[in-house]
Amino acid sequence: MKAIEIISIPVTDQQAAKAFYLKLGFEIMVEANFEKQTWIQMAFPGSPVSITLVNWFPEMPAGSVRGLVIKTDELDKEIEELKTKGLEVGDAEKTPWGRFAAIKDPDGNALSLHGK
């Protein structure tokens, strides 16, 4: 084993989810049709880990992701920039293990921004 390569994010509307993740700073790696489905794979620039927006796993209902943490160097700056893009981001909260801000995608998948 070497590393996590792809994390599947269950969504209902792939295009709406794609627009959200583009606003977060992800870039499209692959968008291709296969077997009546669309594979949308995205990543942060230069990141070896990517996500794919899936809607074909019945055991993964849209909005069920919890605990996906996105690292940022300047949390307060990121929060303000995302709010100017029209995204709802929670206030930064200090915990013993760092500062975090909550954000949800259009389906309610819960993400955390983590930074200084």
PDB file of N, CA and C in Angstrom:
ATOM      1  N   MET A   1       0.850  -1.173   0.000  1.00  0.00           N
ATOM      2  CA  MET A   1       0.000   0.000   0.000  1.00  0.00           C
ATOM      3  C   MET A   1       0.892   1.231   0.000  1.00  0.00           C
ATOM      4  N   LYS A   2       0.365   2.266  -0.649  1.00  0.00           N
ATOM      5  CA  LYS A   2       1.196   3.451  -0.816  1.00  0.00           C
ATOM      6  C   LYS A   2       0.488   4.740  -0.402  1.00  0.00           C
ATOM      7  N   ALA A   3      -0.753   4.930  -0.850  1.00  0.00           N
ATOM      8  CA  ALA A   3      -1.448   6.198  -0.576  1.00  0.00           C
ATOM      9  C   ALA A   3      -2.913   6.073  -0.961  1.00  0.00           C
ATOM     10  N   ILE A   4      -3.722   6.977  -0.433  1.00  0.00           N
ATOM     11  CA  ILE A   4      -5.109   7.096  -0.894  1.00  0.00           C
ATOM     12  C   ILE A   4      -5.065   7.832  -2.221  1.00  0.00           C
ATOM     13  N   GLU A   5      -5.727   7.277  -3.219  1.00  0.00           N
ATOM     14  CA  GLU A   5      -5.692   7.878  -4.548  1.00  0.00           C
ATOM     15  C   GLU A   5      -6.983   8.618  -4.889  1.00  0.00           C
ATOM     16  N   ILE A   6      -8.145   7.956  -4.659  1.00  0.00           N
ATOM     17  CA  ILE A   6      -9.431   8.554  -5.026  1.00  0.00           C
ATOM     18  C   ILE A   6     -10.414   8.346  -3.873  1.00  0.00           C
ATOM     19  N   ILE A   7     -11.174   9.383  -3.570  1.00  0.00           N
ATOM     20  CA  ILE A   7     -12.246   9.309  -2.585  1.00  0.00           C
ATOM     21  C   ILE A   7     -13.550   9.581  -3.333  1.00  0.00           C
ATOM     22  N   SER A   8     -14.505   8.665  -3.219  1.00  0.00           N
ATOM     23  CA  SER A   8     -15.796   8.828  -3.890  1.00  0.00           C
ATOM     24  C   SER A   8     -16.728   9.667  -3.022  1.00  0.00           C
ATOM     25  N   ILE A   9     -17.322  10.676  -3.632  1.00  0.00           N
ATOM     26  CA  ILE A   9     -18.271  11.560  -2.964  1.00  0.00           C
ATOM     27  C   ILE A   9     -19.646  11.306  -3.585  1.00  0.00           C
ATOM     28  N   PRO A  10     -20.608  10.772  -2.807  1.00  0.00           N
ATOM     29  CA  PRO A  10     -21.923  10.484  -3.378  1.00  0.00           C
ATOM     30  C   PRO A  10     -22.776  11.742  -3.520  1.00  0.00           C
ATOM     31  N   VAL A  11     -23.283  11.954  -4.725  1.00  0.00           N
ATOM     32  CA  VAL A  11     -24.072  13.154  -5.031  1.00  0.00           C
ATOM     33  C   VAL A  11     -25.308  12.761  -5.852  1.00  0.00           C
ATOM     34  N   THR A  12     -26.283  13.654  -5.899  1.00  0.00           N
ATOM     35  CA  THR A  12     -27.448  13.415  -6.747  1.00  0.00           C
ATOM     36  C   THR A  12     -27.265  14.062  -8.113  1.00  0.00           C
ATOM     37  N   ASP A  13     -26.798  15.289  -8.131  1.00  0.00           N
ATOM     38  CA  ASP A  13     -26.625  16.060  -9.364  1.00  0.00           C
ATOM     39  C   ASP A  13     -25.131  16.319  -9.550  1.00  0.00           C
ATOM     40  N   GLN A  14     -24.523  15.561 -10.434  1.00  0.00           N
ATOM     41  CA  GLN A  14     -23.075  15.679 -10.627  1.00  0.00           C
ATOM     42  C   GLN A  14     -22.663  17.074 -11.102  1.00  0.00           C
ATOM     43  N   GLN A  15     -23.459  17.697 -11.940  1.00  0.00           N
ATOM     44  CA  GLN A  15     -23.081  19.011 -12.463  1.00  0.00           C
ATOM     45  C   GLN A  15     -23.136  20.083 -11.369  1.00  0.00           C
ATOM     46  N   ALA A  16     -24.146  20.031 -10.506  1.00  0.00           N
ATOM     47  CA  ALA A  16     -24.223  20.976  -9.386  1.00  0.00           C
ATOM     48  C   ALA A  16     -23.065  20.749  -8.423  1.00  0.00           C
ATOM     49  N   ALA A  17     -22.756  19.480  -8.159  1.00  0.00           N
ATOM     50  CA  ALA A  17     -21.631  19.164  -7.274  1.00  0.00           C
ATOM     51  C   ALA A  17     -20.324  19.622  -7.899  1.00  0.00           C
ATOM     52  N   LYS A  18     -20.167  19.407  -9.188  1.00  0.00           N
ATOM     53  CA  LYS A  18     -18.947  19.831  -9.875  1.00  0.00           C
ATOM     54  C   LYS A  18     -18.763  21.340  -9.742  1.00  0.00           C
ATOM     55  N   ALA A  19     -19.823  22.110  -9.922  1.00  0.00           N
ATOM     56  CA  ALA A  19     -19.740  23.574  -9.788  1.00  0.00           C
ATOM     57  C   ALA A  19     -19.291  23.960  -8.375  1.00  0.00           C
ATOM     58  N   PHE A  20     -19.828  23.281  -7.359  1.00  0.00           N
ATOM     59  CA  PHE A  20     -19.441  23.542  -5.970  1.00  0.00           C
ATOM     60  C   PHE A  20     -17.957  23.261  -5.769  1.00  0.00           C
ATOM     61  N   TYR A  21     -17.503  22.097  -6.184  1.00  0.00           N
ATOM     62  CA  TYR A  21     -16.103  21.725  -5.953  1.00  0.00           C
ATOM     63  C   TYR A  21     -15.136  22.581  -6.773  1.00  0.00           C
ATOM     64  N   LEU A  22     -15.578  23.079  -7.930  1.00  0.00           N
ATOM     65  CA  LEU A  22     -14.749  24.035  -8.677  1.00  0.00           C
ATOM     66  C   LEU A  22     -14.567  25.319  -7.873  1.00  0.00           C
ATOM     67  N   LYS A  23     -15.640  25.778  -7.205  1.00  0.00           N
ATOM     68  CA  LYS A  23     -15.543  26.975  -6.363  1.00  0.00           C
ATOM     69  C   LYS A  23     -14.612  26.752  -5.178  1.00  0.00           C
ATOM     70  N   LEU A  24     -14.530  25.511  -4.705  1.00  0.00           N
ATOM     71  CA  LEU A  24     -13.613  25.196  -3.607  1.00  0.00           C
ATOM     72  C   LEU A  24     -12.155  25.206  -4.058  1.00  0.00           C
ATOM     73  N   GLY A  25     -11.931  25.146  -5.362  1.00  0.00           N
ATOM     74  CA  GLY A  25     -10.560  25.167  -5.868  1.00  0.00           C
ATOM     75  C   GLY A  25     -10.122  23.887  -6.547  1.00  0.00           C
ATOM     76  N   PHE A  26     -11.046  22.902  -6.634  1.00  0.00           N
ATOM     77  CA  PHE A  26     -10.718  21.677  -7.355  1.00  0.00           C
ATOM     78  C   PHE A  26     -10.673  21.971  -8.853  1.00  0.00           C
ATOM     79  N   GLU A  27      -9.926  21.155  -9.567  1.00  0.00           N
ATOM     80  CA  GLU A  27      -9.888  21.210 -11.023  1.00  0.00           C
ATOM     81  C   GLU A  27     -10.371  19.870 -11.569  1.00  0.00           C
ATOM     82  N   ILE A  28     -10.913  19.891 -12.768  1.00  0.00           N
ATOM     83  CA  ILE A  28     -11.385  18.658 -13.397  1.00  0.00           C
ATOM     84  C   ILE A  28     -10.183  17.910 -13.968  1.00  0.00           C
ATOM     85  N   MET A  29     -10.043  16.665 -13.564  1.00  0.00           N
ATOM     86  CA  MET A  29      -9.007  15.790 -14.125  1.00  0.00           C
ATOM     87  C   MET A  29      -9.575  14.997 -15.299  1.00  0.00           C
ATOM     88  N   VAL A  30     -10.773  14.434 -15.080  1.00  0.00           N
ATOM     89  CA  VAL A  30     -11.434  13.620 -16.097  1.00  0.00           C
ATOM     90  C   VAL A  30     -12.934  13.855 -15.992  1.00  0.00           C
ATOM     91  N   GLU A  31     -13.572  14.016 -17.132  1.00  0.00           N
ATOM     92  CA  GLU A  31     -15.030  14.011 -17.208  1.00  0.00           C
ATOM     93  C   GLU A  31     -15.377  13.232 -18.464  1.00  0.00           C
ATOM     94  N   ALA A  32     -15.871  12.012 -18.273  1.00  0.00           N
ATOM     95  CA  ALA A  32     -16.116  11.136 -19.415  1.00  0.00           C
ATOM     96  C   ALA A  32     -17.325  10.250 -19.149  1.00  0.00           C
ATOM     97  N   ASN A  33     -18.054   9.958 -20.217  1.00  0.00           N
ATOM     98  CA  ASN A  33     -19.205   9.071 -20.111  1.00  0.00           C
ATOM     99  C   ASN A  33     -18.767   7.621 -20.193  1.00  0.00           C
ATOM    100  N   PHE A  34     -19.465   6.775 -19.417  1.00  0.00           N
ATOM    101  CA  PHE A  34     -19.240   5.338 -19.479  1.00  0.00           C
ATOM    102  C   PHE A  34     -20.517   4.645 -19.032  1.00  0.00           C
ATOM    103  N   GLU A  35     -20.934   3.636 -19.744  1.00  0.00           N
ATOM    104  CA  GLU A  35     -22.097   2.819 -19.364  1.00  0.00           C
ATOM    105  C   GLU A  35     -23.262   3.634 -18.795  1.00  0.00           C
ATOM    106  N   LYS A  36     -23.731   4.628 -19.495  1.00  0.00           N
ATOM    107  CA  LYS A  36     -24.857   5.472 -19.087  1.00  0.00           C
ATOM    108  C   LYS A  36     -24.572   6.285 -17.819  1.00  0.00           C
ATOM    109  N   GLN A  37     -23.328   6.425 -17.449  1.00  0.00           N
ATOM    110  CA  GLN A  37     -22.911   7.206 -16.284  1.00  0.00           C
ATOM    111  C   GLN A  37     -21.880   8.238 -16.738  1.00  0.00           C
ATOM    112  N   THR A  38     -21.545   9.139 -15.845  1.00  0.00           N
ATOM    113  CA  THR A  38     -20.483  10.097 -16.117  1.00  0.00           C
ATOM    114  C   THR A  38     -19.456  10.001 -14.998  1.00  0.00           C
ATOM    115  N   TRP A  39     -18.216   9.837 -15.383  1.00  0.00           N
ATOM    116  CA  TRP A  39     -17.108   9.814 -14.430  1.00  0.00           C
ATOM    117  C   TRP A  39     -16.574  11.235 -14.345  1.00  0.00           C
ATOM    118  N   ILE A  40     -16.700  11.841 -13.163  1.00  0.00           N
ATOM    119  CA  ILE A  40     -16.136  13.170 -12.939  1.00  0.00           C
ATOM    120  C   ILE A  40     -15.108  13.028 -11.824  1.00  0.00           C
ATOM    121  N   GLN A  41     -13.857  13.206 -12.185  1.00  0.00           N
ATOM    122  CA  GLN A  41     -12.751  13.109 -11.229  1.00  0.00           C
ATOM    123  C   GLN A  41     -12.099  14.481 -11.114  1.00  0.00           C
ATOM    124  N   MET A  42     -11.900  14.925  -9.865  1.00  0.00           N
ATOM    125  CA  MET A  42     -11.385  16.270  -9.608  1.00  0.00           C
ATOM    126  C   MET A  42     -10.292  16.207  -8.546  1.00  0.00           C
ATOM    127  N   ALA A  43      -9.417  17.204  -8.566  1.00  0.00           N
ATOM    128  CA  ALA A  43      -8.363  17.283  -7.551  1.00  0.00           C
ATOM    129  C   ALA A  43      -7.925  18.727  -7.399  1.00  0.00           C
ATOM    130  N   PHE A  44      -7.294  19.012  -6.267  1.00  0.00           N
ATOM    131  CA  PHE A  44      -6.638  20.306  -6.114  1.00  0.00           C
ATOM    132  C   PHE A  44      -5.393  20.286  -6.977  1.00  0.00           C
ATOM    133  N   PRO A  45      -4.993  21.426  -7.534  1.00  0.00           N
ATOM    134  CA  PRO A  45      -3.804  21.454  -8.381  1.00  0.00           C
ATOM    135  C   PRO A  45      -2.592  20.864  -7.656  1.00  0.00           C
ATOM    136  N   GLY A  46      -1.941  19.910  -8.294  1.00  0.00           N
ATOM    137  CA  GLY A  46      -0.734  19.303  -7.736  1.00  0.00           C
ATOM    138  C   GLY A  46      -0.970  18.239  -6.688  1.00  0.00           C
ATOM    139  N   SER A  47      -2.222  17.984  -6.314  1.00  0.00           N
ATOM    140  CA  SER A  47      -2.508  16.993  -5.273  1.00  0.00           C
ATOM    141  C   SER A  47      -2.504  15.581  -5.854  1.00  0.00           C
ATOM    142  N   PRO A  48      -1.920  14.625  -5.141  1.00  0.00           N
ATOM    143  CA  PRO A  48      -1.959  13.242  -5.605  1.00  0.00           C
ATOM    144  C   PRO A  48      -3.290  12.551  -5.264  1.00  0.00           C
ATOM    145  N   VAL A  49      -4.111  13.179  -4.424  1.00  0.00           N
ATOM    146  CA  VAL A  49      -5.401  12.611  -4.027  1.00  0.00           C
ATOM    147  C   VAL A  49      -6.507  13.330  -4.791  1.00  0.00           C
ATOM    148  N   SER A  50      -7.450  12.553  -5.328  1.00  0.00           N
ATOM    149  CA  SER A  50      -8.554  13.147  -6.070  1.00  0.00           C
ATOM    150  C   SER A  50      -9.881  12.638  -5.521  1.00  0.00           C
ATOM    151  N   ILE A  51     -10.943  13.278  -5.978  1.00  0.00           N
ATOM    152  CA  ILE A  51     -12.296  12.829  -5.649  1.00  0.00           C
ATOM    153  C   ILE A  51     -13.001  12.474  -6.944  1.00  0.00           C
ATOM    154  N   THR A  52     -14.015  11.646  -6.829  1.00  0.00           N
ATOM    155  CA  THR A  52     -14.902  11.401  -7.952  1.00  0.00           C
ATOM    156  C   THR A  52     -16.326  11.573  -7.455  1.00  0.00           C
ATOM    157  N   LEU A  53     -17.143  12.198  -8.258  1.00  0.00           N
ATOM    158  CA  LEU A  53     -18.534  12.489  -7.902  1.00  0.00           C
ATOM    159  C   LEU A  53     -19.394  11.354  -8.419  1.00  0.00           C
ATOM    160  N   VAL A  54     -19.893  10.525  -7.510  1.00  0.00           N
ATOM    161  CA  VAL A  54     -20.592   9.304  -7.905  1.00  0.00           C
ATOM    162  C   VAL A  54     -22.080   9.366  -7.563  1.00  0.00           C
ATOM    163  N   ASN A  55     -22.871   8.674  -8.394  1.00  0.00           N
ATOM    164  CA  ASN A  55     -24.305   8.565  -8.122  1.00  0.00           C
ATOM    165  C   ASN A  55     -24.820   7.181  -8.490  1.00  0.00           C
ATOM    166  N   TRP A  56     -23.957   6.196  -8.502  1.00  0.00           N
ATOM    167  CA  TRP A  56     -24.343   4.857  -8.923  1.00  0.00           C
ATOM    168  C   TRP A  56     -24.152   3.780  -7.864  1.00  0.00           C
ATOM    169  N   PHE A  57     -23.851   4.146  -6.641  1.00  0.00           N
ATOM    170  CA  PHE A  57     -23.730   3.166  -5.565  1.00  0.00           C
ATOM    171  C   PHE A  57     -24.919   3.308  -4.610  1.00  0.00           C
ATOM    172  N   PRO A  58     -25.884   2.403  -4.650  1.00  0.00           N
ATOM    173  CA  PRO A  58     -27.049   2.534  -3.777  1.00  0.00           C
ATOM    174  C   PRO A  58     -26.683   2.521  -2.293  1.00  0.00           C
ATOM    175  N   GLU A  59     -25.587   1.879  -1.942  1.00  0.00           N
ATOM    176  CA  GLU A  59     -25.188   1.822  -0.538  1.00  0.00           C
ATOM    177  C   GLU A  59     -24.441   3.081  -0.086  1.00  0.00           C
ATOM    178  N   MET A  60     -24.250   4.031  -0.993  1.00  0.00           N
ATOM    179  CA  MET A  60     -23.629   5.321  -0.668  1.00  0.00           C
ATOM    180  C   MET A  60     -24.615   6.433  -0.992  1.00  0.00           C
ATOM    181  N   PRO A  61     -25.564   6.709  -0.127  1.00  0.00           N
ATOM    182  CA  PRO A  61     -26.552   7.751  -0.442  1.00  0.00           C
ATOM    183  C   PRO A  61     -25.908   9.137  -0.508  1.00  0.00           C
ATOM    184  N   ALA A  62     -26.415   9.940  -1.411  1.00  0.00           N
ATOM    185  CA  ALA A  62     -25.924  11.312  -1.546  1.00  0.00           C
ATOM    186  C   ALA A  62     -26.006  12.024  -0.204  1.00  0.00           C
ATOM    187  N   GLY A  63     -24.946  12.738   0.134  1.00  0.00           N
ATOM    188  CA  GLY A  63     -24.913  13.499   1.375  1.00  0.00           C
ATOM    189  C   GLY A  63     -24.405  12.723   2.570  1.00  0.00           C
ATOM    190  N   SER A  64     -23.918  11.508   2.376  1.00  0.00           N
ATOM    191  CA  SER A  64     -23.515  10.673   3.509  1.00  0.00           C
ATOM    192  C   SER A  64     -22.051  10.835   3.935  1.00  0.00           C
ATOM    193  N   VAL A  65     -21.273  11.613   3.214  1.00  0.00           N
ATOM    194  CA  VAL A  65     -19.862  11.787   3.589  1.00  0.00           C
ATOM    195  C   VAL A  65     -19.753  12.694   4.805  1.00  0.00           C
ATOM    196  N   ARG A  66     -18.946  12.262   5.750  1.00  0.00           N
ATOM    197  CA  ARG A  66     -18.628  13.037   6.953  1.00  0.00           C
ATOM    198  C   ARG A  66     -17.132  12.902   7.210  1.00  0.00           C
ATOM    199  N   GLY A  67     -16.517  13.952   7.668  1.00  0.00           N
ATOM    200  CA  GLY A  67     -15.135  13.851   8.116  1.00  0.00           C
ATOM    201  C   GLY A  67     -14.077  14.055   7.052  1.00  0.00           C
ATOM    202  N   LEU A  68     -14.441  14.504   5.864  1.00  0.00           N
ATOM    203  CA  LEU A  68     -13.434  14.799   4.853  1.00  0.00           C
ATOM    204  C   LEU A  68     -12.825  16.162   5.208  1.00  0.00           C
ATOM    205  N   VAL A  69     -11.520  16.192   5.422  1.00  0.00           N
ATOM    206  CA  VAL A  69     -10.839  17.400   5.885  1.00  0.00           C
ATOM    207  C   VAL A  69      -9.956  17.944   4.766  1.00  0.00           C
ATOM    208  N   ILE A  70     -10.092  19.234   4.496  1.00  0.00           N
ATOM    209  CA  ILE A  70      -9.318  19.914   3.461  1.00  0.00           C
ATOM    210  C   ILE A  70      -8.360  20.890   4.135  1.00  0.00           C
ATOM    211  N   LYS A  71      -7.079  20.727   3.890  1.00  0.00           N
ATOM    212  CA  LYS A  71      -6.053  21.579   4.508  1.00  0.00           C
ATOM    213  C   LYS A  71      -5.939  22.892   3.759  1.00  0.00           C
ATOM    214  N   THR A  72      -5.763  23.958   4.513  1.00  0.00           N
ATOM    215  CA  THR A  72      -5.510  25.279   3.943  1.00  0.00           C
ATOM    216  C   THR A  72      -4.468  25.995   4.802  1.00  0.00           C
ATOM    217  N   ASP A  73      -3.702  26.864   4.197  1.00  0.00           N
ATOM    218  CA  ASP A  73      -2.677  27.592   4.950  1.00  0.00           C
ATOM    219  C   ASP A  73      -3.264  28.777   5.713  1.00  0.00           C
ATOM    220  N   GLU A  74      -4.299  29.409   5.139  1.00  0.00           N
ATOM    221  CA  GLU A  74      -4.893  30.590   5.752  1.00  0.00           C
ATOM    222  C   GLU A  74      -6.404  30.414   5.839  1.00  0.00           C
ATOM    223  N   LEU A  75      -6.856  29.830   6.920  1.00  0.00           N
ATOM    224  CA  LEU A  75      -8.265  29.471   7.072  1.00  0.00           C
ATOM    225  C   LEU A  75      -9.198  30.677   6.964  1.00  0.00           C
ATOM    226  N   ASP A  76      -8.907  31.752   7.686  1.00  0.00           N
ATOM    227  CA  ASP A  76      -9.791  32.920   7.662  1.00  0.00           C
ATOM    228  C   ASP A  76      -9.899  33.513   6.260  1.00  0.00           C
ATOM    229  N   LYS A  77      -8.794  33.569   5.548  1.00  0.00           N
ATOM    230  CA  LYS A  77      -8.787  34.086   4.177  1.00  0.00           C
ATOM    231  C   LYS A  77      -9.635  33.188   3.265  1.00  0.00           C
ATOM    232  N   GLU A  78      -9.479  31.875   3.404  1.00  0.00           N
ATOM    233  CA  GLU A  78     -10.257  30.930   2.599  1.00  0.00           C
ATOM    234  C   GLU A  78     -11.749  31.076   2.865  1.00  0.00           C
ATOM    235  N   ILE A  79     -12.112  31.212   4.131  1.00  0.00           N
ATOM    236  CA  ILE A  79     -13.526  31.372   4.488  1.00  0.00           C
ATOM    237  C   ILE A  79     -14.111  32.589   3.785  1.00  0.00           C
ATOM    238  N   GLU A  80     -13.423  33.709   3.852  1.00  0.00           N
ATOM    239  CA  GLU A  80     -13.912  34.935   3.216  1.00  0.00           C
ATOM    240  C   GLU A  80     -14.003  34.788   1.706  1.00  0.00           C
ATOM    241  N   GLU A  81     -12.993  34.165   1.089  1.00  0.00           N
ATOM    242  CA  GLU A  81     -13.011  33.988  -0.363  1.00  0.00           C
ATOM    243  C   GLU A  81     -14.164  33.084  -0.796  1.00  0.00           C
ATOM    244  N   LEU A  82     -14.404  32.019  -0.041  1.00  0.00           N
ATOM    245  CA  LEU A  82     -15.499  31.116  -0.387  1.00  0.00           C
ATOM    246  C   LEU A  82     -16.853  31.793  -0.206  1.00  0.00           C
ATOM    247  N   LYS A  83     -16.980  32.625   0.817  1.00  0.00           N
ATOM    248  CA  LYS A  83     -18.229  33.361   1.015  1.00  0.00           C
ATOM    249  C   LYS A  83     -18.481  34.329  -0.133  1.00  0.00           C
ATOM    250  N   THR A  84     -17.427  34.959  -0.661  1.00  0.00           N
ATOM    251  CA  THR A  84     -17.612  35.867  -1.800  1.00  0.00           C
ATOM    252  C   THR A  84     -18.024  35.102  -3.056  1.00  0.00           C
ATOM    253  N   LYS A  85     -17.729  33.803  -3.098  1.00  0.00           N
ATOM    254  CA  LYS A  85     -18.155  32.959  -4.223  1.00  0.00           C
ATOM    255  C   LYS A  85     -19.568  32.424  -4.022  1.00  0.00           C
ATOM    256  N   GLY A  86     -20.211  32.825  -2.912  1.00  0.00           N
ATOM    257  CA  GLY A  86     -21.582  32.419  -2.658  1.00  0.00           C
ATOM    258  C   GLY A  86     -21.737  31.124  -1.890  1.00  0.00           C
ATOM    259  N   LEU A  87     -20.665  30.613  -1.310  1.00  0.00           N
ATOM    260  CA  LEU A  87     -20.750  29.377  -0.541  1.00  0.00           C
ATOM    261  C   LEU A  87     -20.981  29.681   0.936  1.00  0.00           C
ATOM    262  N   GLU A  88     -21.740  28.823   1.593  1.00  0.00           N
ATOM    263  CA  GLU A  88     -21.994  28.973   3.023  1.00  0.00           C
ATOM    264  C   GLU A  88     -20.922  28.212   3.791  1.00  0.00           C
ATOM    265  N   VAL A  89     -20.142  28.950   4.546  1.00  0.00           N
ATOM    266  CA  VAL A  89     -19.053  28.369   5.324  1.00  0.00           C
ATOM    267  C   VAL A  89     -19.247  28.775   6.773  1.00  0.00           C
ATOM    268  N   GLY A  90     -19.069  27.829   7.674  1.00  0.00           N
ATOM    269  CA  GLY A  90     -19.178  28.138   9.090  1.00  0.00           C
ATOM    270  C   GLY A  90     -17.999  28.972   9.569  1.00  0.00           C
ATOM    271  N   ASP A  91     -18.143  29.568  10.724  1.00  0.00           N
ATOM    272  CA  ASP A  91     -17.042  30.315  11.324  1.00  0.00           C
ATOM    273  C   ASP A  91     -15.944  29.364  11.754  1.00  0.00           C
ATOM    274  N   ALA A  92     -14.723  29.863  11.795  1.00  0.00           N
ATOM    275  CA  ALA A  92     -13.592  29.058  12.260  1.00  0.00           C
ATOM    276  C   ALA A  92     -13.754  28.762  13.745  1.00  0.00           C
ATOM    277  N   GLU A  93     -13.545  27.513  14.089  1.00  0.00           N
ATOM    278  CA  GLU A  93     -13.621  27.091  15.488  1.00  0.00           C
ATOM    279  C   GLU A  93     -12.280  26.523  15.906  1.00  0.00           C
ATOM    280  N   LYS A  94     -11.852  26.907  17.098  1.00  0.00           N
ATOM    281  CA  LYS A  94     -10.581  26.412  17.618  1.00  0.00           C
ATOM    282  C   LYS A  94     -10.825  25.145  18.428  1.00  0.00           C
ATOM    283  N   THR A  95     -10.060  24.112  18.138  1.00  0.00           N
ATOM    284  CA  THR A  95     -10.119  22.860  18.882  1.00  0.00           C
ATOM    285  C   THR A  95      -8.704  22.543  19.369  1.00  0.00           C
ATOM    286  N   PRO A  96      -8.549  21.597  20.267  1.00  0.00           N
ATOM    287  CA  PRO A  96      -7.194  21.229  20.705  1.00  0.00           C
ATOM    288  C   PRO A  96      -6.319  20.697  19.567  1.00  0.00           C
ATOM    289  N   TRP A  97      -6.927  20.250  18.476  1.00  0.00           N
ATOM    290  CA  TRP A  97      -6.148  19.681  17.367  1.00  0.00           C
ATOM    291  C   TRP A  97      -6.113  20.601  16.142  1.00  0.00           C
ATOM    292  N   GLY A  98      -6.550  21.859  16.305  1.00  0.00           N
ATOM    293  CA  GLY A  98      -6.445  22.830  15.216  1.00  0.00           C
ATOM    294  C   GLY A  98      -7.702  23.654  15.033  1.00  0.00           C
ATOM    295  N   ARG A  99      -7.679  24.530  14.028  1.00  0.00           N
ATOM    296  CA  ARG A  99      -8.824  25.369  13.689  1.00  0.00           C
ATOM    297  C   ARG A  99      -9.532  24.790  12.479  1.00  0.00           C
ATOM    298  N   PHE A 100     -10.869  24.761  12.559  1.00  0.00           N
ATOM    299  CA  PHE A 100     -11.677  24.154  11.516  1.00  0.00           C
ATOM    300  C   PHE A 100     -12.889  25.022  11.207  1.00  0.00           C
ATOM    301  N   ALA A 101     -13.346  24.925   9.957  1.00  0.00           N
ATOM    302  CA  ALA A 101     -14.598  25.568   9.547  1.00  0.00           C
ATOM    303  C   ALA A 101     -15.396  24.548   8.738  1.00  0.00           C
ATOM    304  N   ALA A 102     -16.680  24.459   9.014  1.00  0.00           N
ATOM    305  CA  ALA A 102     -17.547  23.484   8.345  1.00  0.00           C
ATOM    306  C   ALA A 102     -18.118  24.060   7.059  1.00  0.00           C
ATOM    307  N   ILE A 103     -18.264  23.181   6.070  1.00  0.00           N
ATOM    308  CA  ILE A 103     -18.895  23.535   4.808  1.00  0.00           C
ATOM    309  C   ILE A 103     -19.563  22.271   4.268  1.00  0.00           C
ATOM    310  N   LYS A 104     -20.701  22.452   3.605  1.00  0.00           N
ATOM    311  CA  LYS A 104     -21.415  21.314   3.022  1.00  0.00           C
ATOM    312  C   LYS A 104     -21.603  21.535   1.530  1.00  0.00           C
ATOM    313  N   ASP A 105     -21.519  20.439   0.784  1.00  0.00           N
ATOM    314  CA  ASP A 105     -21.776  20.539  -0.648  1.00  0.00           C
ATOM    315  C   ASP A 105     -23.292  20.554  -0.876  1.00  0.00           C
ATOM    316  N   PRO A 106     -23.743  20.685  -2.118  1.00  0.00           N
ATOM    317  CA  PRO A 106     -25.191  20.793  -2.370  1.00  0.00           C
ATOM    318  C   PRO A 106     -26.026  19.619  -1.850  1.00  0.00           C
ATOM    319  N   ASP A 107     -25.428  18.446  -1.670  1.00  0.00           N
ATOM    320  CA  ASP A 107     -26.151  17.282  -1.175  1.00  0.00           C
ATOM    321  C   ASP A 107     -26.045  17.112   0.344  1.00  0.00           C
ATOM    322  N   GLY A 108     -25.260  17.956   0.991  1.00  0.00           N
ATOM    323  CA  GLY A 108     -25.093  17.853   2.435  1.00  0.00           C
ATOM    324  C   GLY A 108     -23.888  17.055   2.879  1.00  0.00           C
ATOM    325  N   ASN A 109     -23.017  16.656   1.942  1.00  0.00           N
ATOM    326  CA  ASN A 109     -21.755  16.026   2.344  1.00  0.00           C
ATOM    327  C   ASN A 109     -20.987  17.032   3.165  1.00  0.00           C
ATOM    328  N   ALA A 110     -20.585  16.638   4.381  1.00  0.00           N
ATOM    329  CA  ALA A 110     -19.951  17.561   5.320  1.00  0.00           C
ATOM    330  C   ALA A 110     -18.436  17.511   5.190  1.00  0.00           C
ATOM    331  N   LEU A 111     -17.863  18.669   4.918  1.00  0.00           N
ATOM    332  CA  LEU A 111     -16.424  18.819   4.795  1.00  0.00           C
ATOM    333  C   LEU A 111     -15.941  19.763   5.871  1.00  0.00           C
ATOM    334  N   SER A 112     -14.673  19.663   6.212  1.00  0.00           N
ATOM    335  CA  SER A 112     -14.065  20.595   7.154  1.00  0.00           C
ATOM    336  C   SER A 112     -12.846  21.229   6.521  1.00  0.00           C
ATOM    337  N   LEU A 113     -12.757  22.535   6.643  1.00  0.00           N
ATOM    338  CA  LEU A 113     -11.536  23.234   6.242  1.00  0.00           C
ATOM    339  C   LEU A 113     -10.662  23.312   7.480  1.00  0.00           C
ATOM    340  N   HIS A 114      -9.380  23.015   7.345  1.00  0.00           N
ATOM    341  CA  HIS A 114      -8.464  22.984   8.474  1.00  0.00           C
ATOM    342  C   HIS A 114      -7.263  23.864   8.167  1.00  0.00           C
ATOM    343  N   GLY A 115      -6.978  24.781   9.056  1.00  0.00           N
ATOM    344  CA  GLY A 115      -5.822  25.639   8.845  1.00  0.00           C
ATOM    345  C   GLY A 115      -5.549  26.550  10.007  1.00  0.00           C
ATOM    346  N   LYS A 116      -4.566  27.394   9.807  1.00  0.00           N
ATOM    347  CA  LYS A 116      -4.144  28.337  10.844  1.00  0.00           C
ATOM    348  C   LYS A 116      -5.046  29.539  10.863  1.00  0.00           C
TER     349      LYS A 116
END
